[in-house]
Amino acid sequence: PRHGLLRNIHLHWLVLDGVTGATDEAIQAVLHRIIAGFVATAAQRLESGEQWDDAAALYERVLDADPLTESFYQGIMRCHAACGRHAEAASTYRRLRQQLSVVLGMQPSQSSEALARELRAR
């Protein structure tokens, strides 16, 4: 079943890639958001099933479409930490902090900060 889910997600991304040449950027942005939401939901399901590597890979993929959504970074951080990859979790937090600072001029949310502190304490 997991492979079927991943195959469906891959097909959705292929469809999205097929419309990237669309002239209407608003339509393209909406499609990116819809598919990113679908992929994020699938990643959350994989994370709930303790399929950490698959979940982290999907969260990373969805960041391509929506690089400013903190919950995706948080998911990656949790997955890395669950596998004992604390350096990768910390690196993901730094990447989030950098992205938000450069693009939006803001700091990560309190929930991202709390997660980073919790993971550092482990």
N, C-alpha and C. Protein backbone atom coordinates (compact mmCIF):
# COMPACT_ATOMS: atom_id res chain seq x y z
N PRO A 1 0.81 -1.21 0.00
CA PRO A 1 0.00 0.00 0.00
C PRO A 1 0.85 1.27 0.00
N ARG A 2 1.96 1.25 0.75
CA ARG A 2 2.80 2.43 0.83
C ARG A 2 3.35 2.80 -0.54
N HIS A 3 3.76 1.79 -1.29
CA HIS A 3 4.33 2.07 -2.60
C HIS A 3 3.28 2.65 -3.54
N GLY A 4 2.03 2.22 -3.40
CA GLY A 4 0.96 2.79 -4.20
C GLY A 4 0.75 4.26 -3.89
N LEU A 5 0.82 4.61 -2.61
CA LEU A 5 0.68 6.00 -2.18
C LEU A 5 1.81 6.84 -2.76
N LEU A 6 3.03 6.34 -2.65
CA LEU A 6 4.18 7.08 -3.18
C LEU A 6 4.10 7.21 -4.69
N ARG A 7 3.62 6.16 -5.37
CA ARG A 7 3.47 6.22 -6.83
C ARG A 7 2.45 7.28 -7.20
N ASN A 8 1.33 7.35 -6.48
CA ASN A 8 0.31 8.35 -6.75
C ASN A 8 0.84 9.76 -6.54
N ILE A 9 1.63 9.93 -5.50
CA ILE A 9 2.22 11.25 -5.24
C ILE A 9 3.16 11.61 -6.38
N HIS A 10 3.95 10.67 -6.82
CA HIS A 10 4.87 10.92 -7.92
C HIS A 10 4.09 11.31 -9.18
N LEU A 11 2.99 10.62 -9.44
CA LEU A 11 2.17 10.96 -10.61
C LEU A 11 1.61 12.37 -10.50
N HIS A 12 1.17 12.77 -9.30
CA HIS A 12 0.68 14.14 -9.12
C HIS A 12 1.78 15.16 -9.43
N TRP A 13 2.99 14.87 -8.97
CA TRP A 13 4.09 15.79 -9.25
C TRP A 13 4.39 15.84 -10.74
N LEU A 14 4.29 14.70 -11.44
CA LEU A 14 4.51 14.70 -12.88
C LEU A 14 3.46 15.55 -13.59
N VAL A 15 2.21 15.45 -13.14
CA VAL A 15 1.15 16.28 -13.71
C VAL A 15 1.47 17.75 -13.48
N LEU A 16 1.87 18.07 -12.25
CA LEU A 16 2.21 19.45 -11.94
C LEU A 16 3.37 19.92 -12.81
N ASP A 17 4.39 19.09 -12.96
CA ASP A 17 5.53 19.47 -13.79
C ASP A 17 5.08 19.69 -15.24
N GLY A 18 4.05 18.97 -15.67
CA GLY A 18 3.56 19.13 -17.03
C GLY A 18 2.87 20.46 -17.27
N VAL A 19 2.38 21.10 -16.21
CA VAL A 19 1.69 22.38 -16.39
C VAL A 19 2.58 23.56 -16.01
N THR A 20 3.83 23.30 -15.70
CA THR A 20 4.69 24.41 -15.31
C THR A 20 4.93 25.39 -16.45
N GLY A 21 4.65 24.98 -17.65
CA GLY A 21 4.78 25.89 -18.78
C GLY A 21 3.54 26.74 -18.99
N ALA A 22 2.54 26.58 -18.13
CA ALA A 22 1.31 27.35 -18.27
C ALA A 22 1.62 28.84 -18.19
N THR A 23 0.89 29.62 -18.96
CA THR A 23 1.15 31.06 -18.99
C THR A 23 0.52 31.77 -17.80
N ASP A 24 -0.49 31.20 -17.22
CA ASP A 24 -1.15 31.85 -16.09
C ASP A 24 -0.47 31.43 -14.79
N GLU A 25 0.34 32.33 -14.24
CA GLU A 25 1.09 32.02 -13.03
C GLU A 25 0.17 31.79 -11.83
N ALA A 26 -1.00 32.43 -11.82
CA ALA A 26 -1.93 32.24 -10.71
C ALA A 26 -2.43 30.79 -10.68
N ILE A 27 -2.74 30.24 -11.85
CA ILE A 27 -3.19 28.84 -11.92
C ILE A 27 -2.06 27.92 -11.47
N GLN A 28 -0.89 28.20 -11.93
CA GLN A 28 0.26 27.39 -11.55
C GLN A 28 0.48 27.43 -10.03
N ALA A 29 0.35 28.60 -9.42
CA ALA A 29 0.53 28.73 -7.97
C ALA A 29 -0.53 27.95 -7.20
N VAL A 30 -1.77 28.01 -7.68
CA VAL A 30 -2.85 27.27 -7.03
C VAL A 30 -2.59 25.77 -7.13
N LEU A 31 -2.19 25.30 -8.29
CA LEU A 31 -1.89 23.89 -8.45
C LEU A 31 -0.75 23.45 -7.54
N HIS A 32 0.27 24.26 -7.43
CA HIS A 32 1.38 23.95 -6.52
C HIS A 32 0.87 23.80 -5.09
N ARG A 33 0.03 24.71 -4.65
CA ARG A 33 -0.49 24.67 -3.28
C ARG A 33 -1.37 23.43 -3.05
N ILE A 34 -2.21 23.11 -4.00
CA ILE A 34 -3.09 21.94 -3.86
C ILE A 34 -2.27 20.67 -3.75
N ILE A 35 -1.34 20.51 -4.65
CA ILE A 35 -0.54 19.29 -4.64
C ILE A 35 0.39 19.27 -3.43
N ALA A 36 0.92 20.41 -3.04
CA ALA A 36 1.76 20.46 -1.84
C ALA A 36 0.95 20.04 -0.61
N GLY A 37 -0.30 20.46 -0.53
CA GLY A 37 -1.16 20.05 0.58
C GLY A 37 -1.39 18.55 0.59
N PHE A 38 -1.62 17.98 -0.58
CA PHE A 38 -1.82 16.54 -0.68
C PHE A 38 -0.57 15.79 -0.23
N VAL A 39 0.58 16.24 -0.72
CA VAL A 39 1.84 15.58 -0.38
C VAL A 39 2.14 15.73 1.11
N ALA A 40 1.87 16.90 1.68
CA ALA A 40 2.10 17.11 3.11
C ALA A 40 1.23 16.18 3.94
N THR A 41 -0.02 15.99 3.54
CA THR A 41 -0.91 15.07 4.25
C THR A 41 -0.37 13.64 4.17
N ALA A 42 0.11 13.26 3.00
CA ALA A 42 0.69 11.92 2.85
C ALA A 42 1.93 11.78 3.73
N ALA A 43 2.75 12.82 3.81
CA ALA A 43 3.95 12.78 4.66
C ALA A 43 3.56 12.63 6.12
N GLN A 44 2.52 13.33 6.54
CA GLN A 44 2.05 13.21 7.93
C GLN A 44 1.59 11.79 8.22
N ARG A 45 0.92 11.17 7.27
CA ARG A 45 0.48 9.78 7.45
C ARG A 45 1.68 8.84 7.57
N LEU A 46 2.67 9.05 6.73
CA LEU A 46 3.88 8.23 6.82
C LEU A 46 4.59 8.44 8.16
N GLU A 47 4.64 9.68 8.59
CA GLU A 47 5.26 9.99 9.88
C GLU A 47 4.50 9.31 11.01
N SER A 48 3.19 9.34 10.97
CA SER A 48 2.37 8.67 11.99
C SER A 48 2.62 7.17 12.00
N GLY A 49 2.95 6.62 10.85
CA GLY A 49 3.24 5.20 10.74
C GLY A 49 4.71 4.88 10.98
N GLU A 50 5.45 5.85 11.47
CA GLU A 50 6.87 5.71 11.79
C GLU A 50 7.72 5.31 10.58
N GLN A 51 7.30 5.77 9.42
CA GLN A 51 8.06 5.56 8.19
C GLN A 51 8.86 6.84 7.94
N TRP A 52 9.84 7.04 8.82
CA TRP A 52 10.54 8.32 8.93
C TRP A 52 11.23 8.76 7.64
N ASP A 53 11.95 7.87 7.01
CA ASP A 53 12.70 8.26 5.81
C ASP A 53 11.77 8.65 4.66
N ASP A 54 10.70 7.88 4.47
CA ASP A 54 9.74 8.21 3.41
C ASP A 54 9.05 9.54 3.71
N ALA A 55 8.69 9.74 4.97
CA ALA A 55 8.03 10.99 5.36
C ALA A 55 8.97 12.17 5.15
N ALA A 56 10.20 12.04 5.58
CA ALA A 56 11.17 13.14 5.41
C ALA A 56 11.37 13.46 3.94
N ALA A 57 11.43 12.43 3.10
CA ALA A 57 11.61 12.65 1.66
C ALA A 57 10.43 13.42 1.07
N LEU A 58 9.23 13.10 1.52
CA LEU A 58 8.06 13.83 1.00
C LEU A 58 8.03 15.27 1.51
N TYR A 59 8.35 15.46 2.78
CA TYR A 59 8.41 16.83 3.29
C TYR A 59 9.42 17.65 2.50
N GLU A 60 10.57 17.05 2.21
CA GLU A 60 11.59 17.76 1.42
C GLU A 60 11.04 18.11 0.04
N ARG A 61 10.33 17.18 -0.56
CA ARG A 61 9.79 17.40 -1.91
C ARG A 61 8.77 18.53 -1.91
N VAL A 62 7.95 18.58 -0.88
CA VAL A 62 6.90 19.60 -0.84
C VAL A 62 7.51 20.98 -0.56
N LEU A 63 8.68 21.03 0.04
CA LEU A 63 9.35 22.32 0.24
C LEU A 63 9.71 22.97 -1.10
N ASP A 64 9.88 22.16 -2.13
CA ASP A 64 10.14 22.72 -3.46
C ASP A 64 9.00 23.63 -3.89
N ALA A 65 7.79 23.25 -3.56
CA ALA A 65 6.61 24.01 -3.97
C ALA A 65 6.28 25.12 -2.98
N ASP A 66 6.62 24.92 -1.72
CA ASP A 66 6.23 25.88 -0.69
C ASP A 66 7.34 25.99 0.35
N PRO A 67 8.44 26.69 0.03
CA PRO A 67 9.62 26.70 0.90
C PRO A 67 9.50 27.54 2.17
N LEU A 68 8.36 28.14 2.42
CA LEU A 68 8.22 28.98 3.61
C LEU A 68 7.27 28.41 4.65
N THR A 69 6.81 27.19 4.45
CA THR A 69 5.86 26.58 5.39
C THR A 69 6.63 25.85 6.49
N GLU A 70 6.55 26.41 7.69
CA GLU A 70 7.32 25.88 8.81
C GLU A 70 6.95 24.44 9.17
N SER A 71 5.70 24.07 9.01
CA SER A 71 5.30 22.72 9.40
C SER A 71 6.04 21.65 8.61
N PHE A 72 6.44 21.95 7.37
CA PHE A 72 7.20 20.99 6.58
C PHE A 72 8.60 20.81 7.18
N TYR A 73 9.22 21.91 7.55
CA TYR A 73 10.53 21.84 8.21
C TYR A 73 10.42 21.10 9.54
N GLN A 74 9.36 21.37 10.28
CA GLN A 74 9.16 20.70 11.56
C GLN A 74 9.04 19.20 11.36
N GLY A 75 8.30 18.78 10.33
CA GLY A 75 8.17 17.36 10.03
C GLY A 75 9.51 16.72 9.72
N ILE A 76 10.32 17.41 8.93
CA ILE A 76 11.65 16.89 8.61
C ILE A 76 12.48 16.77 9.87
N MET A 77 12.42 17.79 10.72
CA MET A 77 13.18 17.76 11.97
C MET A 77 12.76 16.58 12.84
N ARG A 78 11.45 16.36 12.96
CA ARG A 78 10.97 15.23 13.78
C ARG A 78 11.43 13.89 13.21
N CYS A 79 11.36 13.76 11.89
CA CYS A 79 11.77 12.50 11.25
C CYS A 79 13.25 12.23 11.46
N HIS A 80 14.09 13.24 11.26
CA HIS A 80 15.52 13.05 11.48
C HIS A 80 15.80 12.69 12.94
N ALA A 81 15.15 13.39 13.85
CA ALA A 81 15.38 13.11 15.27
C ALA A 81 14.93 11.70 15.64
N ALA A 82 13.82 11.25 15.09
CA ALA A 82 13.31 9.91 15.39
C ALA A 82 14.29 8.83 14.93
N CYS A 83 15.08 9.15 13.90
CA CYS A 83 16.09 8.20 13.40
C CYS A 83 17.45 8.41 14.04
N GLY A 84 17.52 9.33 15.01
CA GLY A 84 18.78 9.60 15.67
C GLY A 84 19.72 10.49 14.87
N ARG A 85 19.20 11.13 13.85
CA ARG A 85 20.02 12.02 13.01
C ARG A 85 19.86 13.46 13.51
N HIS A 86 20.43 13.72 14.68
CA HIS A 86 20.24 15.02 15.34
C HIS A 86 20.93 16.15 14.59
N ALA A 87 22.08 15.87 13.98
CA ALA A 87 22.77 16.90 13.21
C ALA A 87 21.91 17.34 12.02
N GLU A 88 21.25 16.38 11.36
CA GLU A 88 20.39 16.72 10.23
C GLU A 88 19.16 17.51 10.69
N ALA A 89 18.63 17.15 11.86
CA ALA A 89 17.50 17.90 12.40
C ALA A 89 17.90 19.34 12.68
N ALA A 90 19.08 19.53 13.27
CA ALA A 90 19.57 20.88 13.56
C ALA A 90 19.83 21.65 12.27
N SER A 91 20.36 20.97 11.27
CA SER A 91 20.61 21.60 9.98
C SER A 91 19.30 22.06 9.33
N THR A 92 18.27 21.25 9.46
CA THR A 92 16.95 21.62 8.90
C THR A 92 16.42 22.86 9.59
N TYR A 93 16.60 22.95 10.91
CA TYR A 93 16.17 24.14 11.64
C TYR A 93 16.94 25.37 11.15
N ARG A 94 18.24 25.24 10.98
CA ARG A 94 19.04 26.38 10.49
C ARG A 94 18.58 26.81 9.10
N ARG A 95 18.26 25.82 8.27
CA ARG A 95 17.76 26.13 6.91
C ARG A 95 16.44 26.90 6.99
N LEU A 96 15.54 26.47 7.90
CA LEU A 96 14.28 27.18 8.10
C LEU A 96 14.54 28.62 8.54
N ARG A 97 15.40 28.78 9.54
CA ARG A 97 15.69 30.10 10.07
C ARG A 97 16.26 31.01 8.98
N GLN A 98 17.16 30.47 8.18
CA GLN A 98 17.77 31.24 7.10
C GLN A 98 16.73 31.64 6.05
N GLN A 99 15.90 30.71 5.65
CA GLN A 99 14.88 30.96 4.63
C GLN A 99 13.92 32.06 5.09
N LEU A 100 13.42 31.94 6.31
CA LEU A 100 12.48 32.94 6.82
C LEU A 100 13.14 34.31 6.94
N SER A 101 14.38 34.33 7.39
CA SER A 101 15.09 35.59 7.58
C SER A 101 15.33 36.29 6.25
N VAL A 102 15.81 35.54 5.27
CA VAL A 102 16.15 36.14 3.97
C VAL A 102 14.91 36.57 3.20
N VAL A 103 13.92 35.70 3.15
CA VAL A 103 12.75 35.97 2.30
C VAL A 103 11.74 36.89 2.97
N LEU A 104 11.48 36.65 4.26
CA LEU A 104 10.41 37.39 4.94
C LEU A 104 10.90 38.36 6.02
N GLY A 105 12.18 38.27 6.36
CA GLY A 105 12.70 39.13 7.42
C GLY A 105 12.13 38.81 8.78
N MET A 106 11.82 37.54 9.01
CA MET A 106 11.25 37.15 10.30
C MET A 106 11.95 35.92 10.86
N GLN A 107 11.67 35.64 12.12
CA GLN A 107 12.23 34.50 12.82
C GLN A 107 11.22 33.35 12.79
N PRO A 108 11.68 32.13 13.05
CA PRO A 108 10.75 30.99 13.15
C PRO A 108 9.72 31.20 14.27
N SER A 109 8.61 30.52 14.13
CA SER A 109 7.53 30.61 15.12
C SER A 109 7.96 30.01 16.44
N GLN A 110 7.17 30.28 17.47
CA GLN A 110 7.46 29.71 18.78
C GLN A 110 7.44 28.19 18.75
N SER A 111 6.55 27.61 17.94
CA SER A 111 6.49 26.14 17.88
C SER A 111 7.76 25.57 17.24
N SER A 112 8.30 26.22 16.22
CA SER A 112 9.55 25.76 15.62
C SER A 112 10.71 25.93 16.59
N GLU A 113 10.73 27.05 17.30
CA GLU A 113 11.78 27.28 18.30
C GLU A 113 11.71 26.23 19.40
N ALA A 114 10.50 25.93 19.87
CA ALA A 114 10.33 24.94 20.94
C ALA A 114 10.78 23.55 20.47
N LEU A 115 10.44 23.20 19.24
CA LEU A 115 10.85 21.90 18.70
C LEU A 115 12.38 21.84 18.61
N ALA A 116 13.00 22.91 18.13
CA ALA A 116 14.46 22.93 18.03
C ALA A 116 15.11 22.79 19.41
N ARG A 117 14.56 23.48 20.40
CA ARG A 117 15.10 23.35 21.77
C ARG A 117 14.93 21.94 22.29
N GLU A 118 13.75 21.36 22.07
CA GLU A 118 13.48 19.99 22.51
C GLU A 118 14.46 19.00 21.87
N LEU A 119 14.72 19.17 20.59
CA LEU A 119 15.61 18.25 19.89
C LEU A 119 17.07 18.44 20.33
N ARG A 120 17.45 19.68 20.62
CA ARG A 120 18.80 19.92 21.11
C ARG A 120 19.03 19.29 22.48
N ALA A 121 17.96 19.22 23.28
CA ALA A 121 18.06 18.67 24.64
C ALA A 121 18.20 17.15 24.65
N ARG A 122 17.91 16.51 23.55
CA ARG A 122 17.99 15.04 23.49
C ARG A 122 19.41 14.55 23.46
